[in-house]
N, C-alpha and C. Protein backbone atom coordinates (compact mmCIF):
# COMPACT_ATOMS: atom_id res chain seq x y z
N MET A 1 0.76 -1.24 0.02
CA MET A 1 0.06 -0.04 -0.08
C MET A 1 0.79 1.43 -0.19
N LEU A 2 0.69 2.13 -0.76
CA LEU A 2 1.19 3.46 -0.62
C LEU A 2 1.05 4.21 0.25
N ARG A 3 2.38 4.97 0.81
CA ARG A 3 1.83 5.16 1.96
C ARG A 3 1.66 6.70 2.12
N PHE A 4 0.67 7.32 2.57
CA PHE A 4 0.09 8.47 2.20
C PHE A 4 0.36 9.60 3.27
N THR A 5 1.01 10.68 3.23
CA THR A 5 1.46 11.97 3.90
C THR A 5 0.47 12.63 3.88
N ARG A 6 0.27 13.55 4.45
CA ARG A 6 -0.55 14.68 4.11
C ARG A 6 -0.24 15.41 2.32
N ALA A 7 0.85 15.49 2.27
CA ALA A 7 1.33 16.24 1.19
C ALA A 7 0.77 15.25 -0.18
N ALA A 8 1.16 13.86 0.31
CA ALA A 8 0.48 13.10 -0.78
C ALA A 8 -0.74 12.87 -1.01
N GLU A 9 -1.55 13.12 0.20
CA GLU A 9 -3.03 13.22 -0.01
C GLU A 9 -3.28 14.49 -0.66
N ASP A 10 -2.90 15.77 -0.77
CA ASP A 10 -2.97 16.94 -0.77
C ASP A 10 -2.56 16.89 -2.71
N LEU A 11 -1.53 16.28 -2.91
CA LEU A 11 -1.24 16.08 -4.58
C LEU A 11 -2.08 15.13 -5.11
N ALA A 12 -2.47 13.98 -4.42
CA ALA A 12 -3.51 13.43 -4.88
C ALA A 12 -4.70 13.88 -5.51
N ARG A 13 -5.13 14.80 -4.54
CA ARG A 13 -6.37 15.66 -4.81
C ARG A 13 -6.25 16.51 -5.75
N TYR A 14 -5.11 17.20 -5.89
CA TYR A 14 -4.70 18.12 -6.76
C TYR A 14 -4.57 17.58 -8.30
N LEU A 15 -3.95 16.11 -8.37
CA LEU A 15 -3.77 15.35 -9.55
C LEU A 15 -5.52 14.87 -10.09
N LEU A 16 -6.33 14.59 -9.12
CA LEU A 16 -7.80 14.09 -9.40
C LEU A 16 -8.50 15.01 -9.95
N GLU A 17 -8.48 16.39 -9.12
CA GLU A 17 -9.14 17.34 -9.74
C GLU A 17 -8.68 18.19 -11.27
N ARG A 18 -7.71 17.73 -11.36
CA ARG A 18 -6.85 18.01 -13.18
C ARG A 18 -7.63 17.21 -14.06
N TYR A 19 -7.28 15.81 -13.57
CA TYR A 19 -7.70 14.73 -14.23
C TYR A 19 -9.49 14.59 -14.08
N ALA A 20 -10.09 15.42 -13.28
CA ALA A 20 -11.55 15.47 -13.68
C ALA A 20 -12.05 16.49 -14.55
N GLN A 21 -11.25 17.32 -14.91
CA GLN A 21 -11.23 18.57 -15.82
C GLN A 21 -10.82 18.11 -17.09
N ASP A 22 -9.86 17.42 -17.17
CA ASP A 22 -9.16 16.99 -18.51
C ASP A 22 -8.33 15.28 -18.38
N PRO A 23 -9.14 14.29 -18.69
CA PRO A 23 -8.29 12.95 -18.22
C PRO A 23 -7.07 13.17 -18.94
N GLU A 24 -6.11 13.78 -19.99
CA GLU A 24 -5.11 13.59 -20.49
C GLU A 24 -4.46 14.91 -20.04
N ALA A 25 -4.88 15.56 -18.91
CA ALA A 25 -4.14 16.61 -18.46
C ALA A 25 -2.52 16.07 -17.79
N GLU A 26 -1.80 17.02 -17.87
CA GLU A 26 -0.49 16.43 -17.54
C GLU A 26 0.07 17.20 -16.57
N SER A 27 1.08 17.02 -15.64
CA SER A 27 1.65 17.93 -14.58
C SER A 27 3.14 18.14 -14.47
N TYR A 28 3.63 18.90 -14.27
CA TYR A 28 5.18 18.55 -14.17
C TYR A 28 5.28 19.21 -12.53
N GLY A 29 6.52 18.64 -12.05
CA GLY A 29 6.60 18.80 -10.59
C GLY A 29 6.59 20.04 -10.20
N LEU A 30 7.25 21.12 -10.75
CA LEU A 30 7.33 22.43 -10.22
C LEU A 30 6.43 22.85 -10.58
N GLU A 31 5.17 22.67 -11.27
CA GLU A 31 4.11 22.99 -11.61
C GLU A 31 2.99 22.59 -10.44
N ALA A 32 3.12 21.63 -9.97
CA ALA A 32 2.46 20.80 -8.97
C ALA A 32 3.06 21.70 -7.33
N ALA A 33 4.03 21.82 -7.51
CA ALA A 33 4.81 22.63 -6.38
C ALA A 33 4.03 23.74 -5.94
N LYS A 34 3.99 24.45 -6.89
CA LYS A 34 3.45 26.03 -7.03
C LYS A 34 2.07 25.86 -6.36
N ALA A 35 1.39 24.66 -7.15
CA ALA A 35 -0.29 25.14 -7.18
C ALA A 35 -0.56 24.37 -5.33
N THR A 36 0.07 23.63 -5.11
CA THR A 36 -0.24 23.14 -4.00
C THR A 36 0.73 23.64 -2.47
N GLY A 37 1.83 24.22 -2.89
CA GLY A 37 2.65 24.97 -1.98
C GLY A 37 3.50 23.98 -1.06
N TYR A 38 3.68 23.16 -1.86
CA TYR A 38 4.74 22.37 -1.18
C TYR A 38 5.89 22.39 -1.72
N GLY A 39 7.21 22.08 -1.75
CA GLY A 39 8.52 22.22 -2.51
C GLY A 39 8.51 21.25 -2.92
N PRO A 40 9.43 21.32 -4.09
CA PRO A 40 9.93 20.30 -5.26
C PRO A 40 10.65 18.98 -4.36
N GLY A 41 10.99 19.21 -3.13
CA GLY A 41 11.82 18.36 -2.31
C GLY A 41 10.74 17.22 -1.95
N THR A 42 9.62 17.94 -1.66
CA THR A 42 8.41 17.11 -1.02
C THR A 42 7.44 16.42 -2.43
N VAL A 43 7.36 17.18 -3.63
CA VAL A 43 6.34 16.79 -4.51
C VAL A 43 6.88 15.95 -5.16
N TYR A 44 8.43 15.72 -5.75
CA TYR A 44 8.78 14.95 -6.17
C TYR A 44 8.95 13.27 -5.85
N PRO A 45 9.54 13.47 -4.76
CA PRO A 45 9.63 11.79 -3.97
C PRO A 45 7.81 11.46 -3.98
N VAL A 46 7.03 12.21 -3.75
CA VAL A 46 5.48 11.84 -3.71
C VAL A 46 5.15 11.08 -5.48
N PHE A 47 5.49 12.03 -5.89
CA PHE A 47 5.27 11.47 -7.70
C PHE A 47 6.18 10.11 -7.87
N ARG A 48 7.37 10.03 -7.22
CA ARG A 48 7.79 8.96 -7.78
C ARG A 48 7.38 7.65 -6.87
N ARG A 49 6.70 7.85 -5.55
CA ARG A 49 6.14 6.95 -4.97
C ARG A 49 4.54 6.61 -5.73
N MET A 50 4.21 7.42 -6.10
CA MET A 50 2.50 7.33 -6.62
C MET A 50 3.19 6.46 -8.51
N THR A 51 4.09 7.05 -8.76
CA THR A 51 4.83 6.49 -10.16
C THR A 51 5.13 5.09 -10.31
N ASP A 52 5.85 4.53 -8.97
CA ASP A 52 5.84 3.00 -8.95
C ASP A 52 4.95 2.20 -8.49
N ALA A 53 4.01 2.98 -7.41
CA ALA A 53 2.45 2.44 -7.56
C ALA A 53 1.70 2.44 -9.11
N HIS A 54 1.99 2.91 -10.00
CA HIS A 54 1.30 2.59 -11.14
C HIS A 54 0.16 3.58 -11.13
N TRP A 55 0.11 4.61 -10.12
CA TRP A 55 -0.83 5.47 -10.18
C TRP A 55 -0.56 6.74 -11.01
N LEU A 56 0.39 6.90 -11.38
CA LEU A 56 0.99 8.10 -12.41
C LEU A 56 1.45 7.37 -13.66
N LEU A 57 1.20 7.86 -14.87
CA LEU A 57 2.09 7.67 -16.18
C LEU A 57 2.75 9.15 -16.43
N THR A 58 4.20 8.46 -16.99
CA THR A 58 5.36 9.75 -16.92
C THR A 58 5.45 9.69 -18.42
N ARG A 59 6.16 10.80 -18.88
CA ARG A 59 6.68 10.71 -20.19
C ARG A 59 7.94 12.12 -20.09
N GLU A 60 8.85 11.92 -20.65
CA GLU A 60 10.02 12.99 -20.75
C GLU A 60 9.86 14.09 -21.96
N GLU A 61 9.90 15.13 -21.72
CA GLU A 61 9.64 16.44 -22.54
C GLU A 61 10.63 15.98 -23.61
N ASP A 62 10.41 16.58 -24.62
CA ASP A 62 11.64 16.37 -25.96
C ASP A 62 12.42 17.41 -25.75
N PRO A 63 13.59 16.82 -25.30
CA PRO A 63 15.22 17.50 -24.98
C PRO A 63 15.76 18.81 -25.57
N GLU A 64 14.96 18.90 -27.03
CA GLU A 64 15.08 20.16 -27.96
C GLU A 64 14.56 21.42 -27.25
N ALA A 65 13.35 21.39 -26.75
CA ALA A 65 12.36 22.84 -26.03
C ALA A 65 13.30 23.25 -25.16
N PRO A 66 13.47 22.52 -23.92
CA PRO A 66 14.73 22.76 -22.53
C PRO A 66 16.02 23.43 -22.91
N ALA A 67 16.71 22.57 -23.92
CA ALA A 67 18.20 23.44 -24.36
C ALA A 67 17.97 24.59 -24.93
N THR A 68 16.72 24.89 -25.57
CA THR A 68 16.51 26.43 -25.56
C THR A 68 16.74 27.50 -24.85
N GLU A 69 16.00 26.88 -23.63
CA GLU A 69 15.48 27.69 -22.65
C GLU A 69 16.68 27.41 -21.41
N GLY A 70 17.78 26.69 -21.35
CA GLY A 70 18.62 26.25 -20.68
C GLY A 70 18.28 25.87 -19.16
N ARG A 71 17.30 24.74 -19.34
CA ARG A 71 17.03 23.89 -18.29
C ARG A 71 16.73 22.36 -18.90
N PRO A 72 16.94 21.72 -17.68
CA PRO A 72 17.00 20.24 -17.84
C PRO A 72 15.14 19.81 -18.48
N PRO A 73 15.42 18.88 -19.38
CA PRO A 73 14.27 18.55 -19.84
C PRO A 73 12.85 17.79 -18.88
N ARG A 74 11.29 18.10 -18.30
CA ARG A 74 10.79 18.12 -17.69
C ARG A 74 10.12 16.88 -17.88
N ILE A 75 9.41 15.99 -16.68
CA ILE A 75 8.95 15.06 -16.75
C ILE A 75 7.85 15.28 -16.46
N TYR A 76 6.49 14.79 -17.07
CA TYR A 76 5.44 15.17 -17.12
C TYR A 76 4.44 13.83 -16.61
N TYR A 77 3.66 14.14 -15.71
CA TYR A 77 2.72 13.13 -14.83
C TYR A 77 1.41 13.32 -15.27
N ARG A 78 1.02 12.17 -15.24
CA ARG A 78 -0.53 12.19 -15.35
C ARG A 78 -1.19 11.24 -14.69
N VAL A 79 -2.43 11.44 -14.25
CA VAL A 79 -3.24 10.16 -13.52
C VAL A 79 -3.37 8.88 -14.65
N ASN A 80 -3.04 7.75 -14.15
CA ASN A 80 -3.49 6.44 -14.79
C ASN A 80 -4.57 6.27 -14.78
N PRO A 81 -5.37 6.12 -15.84
CA PRO A 81 -7.00 6.01 -15.68
C PRO A 81 -7.15 4.42 -15.12
N GLU A 82 -6.34 3.87 -15.07
CA GLU A 82 -6.57 2.48 -14.60
C GLU A 82 -6.82 2.62 -12.80
N ALA A 83 -6.11 3.41 -12.46
CA ALA A 83 -5.78 3.85 -10.86
C ALA A 83 -6.50 5.04 -10.18
N VAL A 84 -7.41 5.39 -11.02
CA VAL A 84 -8.51 6.30 -10.43
C VAL A 84 -9.25 6.12 -9.34
N GLY A 85 -9.85 4.90 -9.28
CA GLY A 85 -10.59 3.95 -8.71
C GLY A 85 -9.95 3.59 -7.01
N ALA A 86 -8.55 3.19 -7.45
CA ALA A 86 -7.90 2.69 -5.94
C ALA A 86 -7.54 4.36 -5.68
N ILE A 87 -7.37 5.31 -6.20
CA ILE A 87 -6.75 6.95 -5.40
C ILE A 87 -7.74 7.33 -4.82
N ARG A 88 -9.17 7.32 -5.81
CA ARG A 88 -10.50 7.75 -4.87
C ARG A 88 -10.59 6.83 -3.79
N GLN A 89 -10.43 5.75 -3.69
CA GLN A 89 -10.68 4.47 -2.91
C GLN A 89 -9.92 5.07 -1.21
N ARG A 90 -8.46 5.63 -1.65
CA ARG A 90 -7.57 5.88 -0.69
C ARG A 90 -8.01 6.77 -0.04
N LEU A 91 -8.42 7.70 -0.65
CA LEU A 91 -8.77 9.29 0.04
C LEU A 91 -9.76 9.23 0.39
N ALA A 92 -10.67 8.66 0.23
CA ALA A 92 -12.15 8.15 0.98
C ALA A 92 -11.89 7.51 2.10
N GLU A 93 -11.09 6.81 2.65
CA GLU A 93 -10.82 5.92 3.48
C GLU A 93 -9.82 6.90 4.55
N ILE A 94 -9.18 7.57 4.29
CA ILE A 94 -8.69 9.05 5.28
C ILE A 94 -9.42 9.68 5.51
N ASP A 95 -10.40 10.28 4.58
CA ASP A 95 -11.48 10.86 4.85
C ASP A 95 -12.39 10.48 5.79
N ALA A 96 -12.66 9.28 5.73
CA ALA A 96 -13.82 8.44 6.90
C ALA A 96 -13.09 8.46 8.11
N ARG A 97 -11.31 8.20 8.21
CA ARG A 97 -10.77 7.85 9.27
C ARG A 97 -10.56 9.21 9.89
N ARG A 98 -10.42 10.05 9.42
CA ARG A 98 -10.44 11.54 9.63
C ARG A 98 -11.74 12.19 10.52
N ARG A 99 -12.89 11.79 9.55
CA ARG A 99 -14.12 12.06 10.27
C ARG A 99 -14.36 11.58 11.83
N ALA A 100 -13.86 9.81 11.65
CA ALA A 100 -13.64 9.10 12.88
C ALA A 100 -13.46 9.42 14.36
N THR A 101 -12.18 10.41 13.81
CA THR A 101 -11.43 10.68 15.08
C THR A 101 -11.75 11.99 15.53
N SER A 102 -12.29 13.05 14.51
CA SER A 102 -12.55 14.37 14.90
C SER A 102 -13.36 14.77 15.99
N PRO A 103 -12.78 15.68 16.89
CA PRO A 103 -13.35 15.74 18.19
C PRO A 103 -14.90 15.94 18.19
N ARG A 104 -15.45 16.82 17.21
CA ARG A 104 -16.70 16.83 16.94
C ARG A 104 -17.46 15.57 16.82
N SER A 105 -16.93 14.66 15.97
CA SER A 105 -17.62 13.28 15.83
C SER A 105 -17.38 12.44 16.84
N ASN A 106 -16.23 12.57 18.21
CA ASN A 106 -15.91 11.91 19.19
C ASN A 106 -15.41 12.61 20.21
N PRO A 107 -16.64 13.43 20.97
CA PRO A 107 -16.35 14.21 21.69
C PRO A 107 -15.73 13.53 23.03
N ALA A 108 -14.62 13.97 23.51
CA ALA A 108 -14.39 13.53 24.97
C ALA A 108 -15.21 13.98 26.03
N PRO A 109 -15.29 12.97 27.02
CA PRO A 109 -16.17 13.18 28.04
C PRO A 109 -15.46 14.32 29.23
N SER A 110 -16.28 15.11 29.72
CA SER A 110 -15.76 16.49 30.51
C SER A 110 -15.53 15.66 31.88
N LEU A 111 -14.48 16.31 32.23
CA LEU A 111 -14.33 15.54 33.62
C LEU A 111 -14.51 16.51 34.82
N ASP A 112 -14.78 17.76 34.39
CA ASP A 112 -14.95 18.70 35.27
C ASP A 112 -15.59 19.96 34.70
N PRO A 113 -17.12 19.66 34.82
CA PRO A 113 -17.71 20.59 34.03
C PRO A 113 -17.85 22.01 34.96
N ALA A 114 -17.43 22.05 36.01
CA ALA A 114 -18.09 23.33 36.65
C ALA A 114 -16.64 24.48 36.61
N PRO A 115 -16.80 25.44 36.58
CA PRO A 115 -15.96 26.75 36.17
C PRO A 115 -15.12 26.57 37.48
N ALA A 116 -13.98 26.92 37.12
CA ALA A 116 -13.09 27.08 38.47
C ALA A 116 -13.28 28.55 38.83
N THR A 117 -13.46 28.55 40.35
CA THR A 117 -13.82 30.00 40.99
C THR A 117 -12.78 30.04 41.73
N GLU A 118 -12.41 31.39 42.42
CA GLU A 118 -11.59 31.75 43.16
C GLU A 118 -11.26 30.68 44.39
N SER A 119 -12.59 30.24 45.23
CA SER A 119 -12.50 29.55 46.32
C SER A 119 -11.57 28.32 45.79
N ARG A 120 -11.97 27.76 44.85
CA ARG A 120 -11.29 26.40 44.36
C ARG A 120 -9.84 26.62 44.03
N LEU A 121 -9.35 27.58 43.84
CA LEU A 121 -8.18 27.95 43.52
C LEU A 121 -7.37 28.29 44.71
N ARG A 122 -7.66 28.41 45.75
CA ARG A 122 -6.53 29.00 46.89
C ARG A 122 -6.09 27.74 47.38
N PHE A 123 -4.90 27.61 48.05
CA PHE A 123 -3.76 26.58 48.51
C PHE A 123 -3.95 26.87 49.75
N ARG A 124 -3.73 26.04 50.39
CA ARG A 124 -3.63 25.71 51.93
C ARG A 124 -1.87 26.06 52.21
N ARG A 125 -1.58 26.79 53.20
CA ARG A 125 -0.26 26.68 53.54
C ARG A 125 -0.01 25.73 54.55
N LYS A 126 1.15 25.15 54.79
CA LYS A 126 1.28 24.32 55.82
C LYS A 126 1.83 25.43 56.98
N LYS A 127 1.55 24.95 58.51
CA LYS A 127 2.02 25.99 59.56
C LYS A 127 3.32 25.40 59.87
């Protein structure tokens, strides 16, 4: 099972949103980093894990275009259509776990509902 950090969750949602708009939509790492607010050092390892899990398909940019711009070729990522269900299921599991452990759905019992008063806060001095 793919390890899902908060960054992986946010990036998966970002990619699924792009996929919903256009199933052929591609993203590259720096673009995803800017869109989600995570640094490239966070985005690229998540994309690598998702690619290893076959959730993302990759293609390398034509090397001629970046050479004229003086940058390395980009790797473009897009959601693997066969993995959409697995990604959605994993996000649904995370959402369900979060709902089950949220304070609103599972309030802790109050141990002392009475407000603190001055008389309750006084300390006795030893004589």
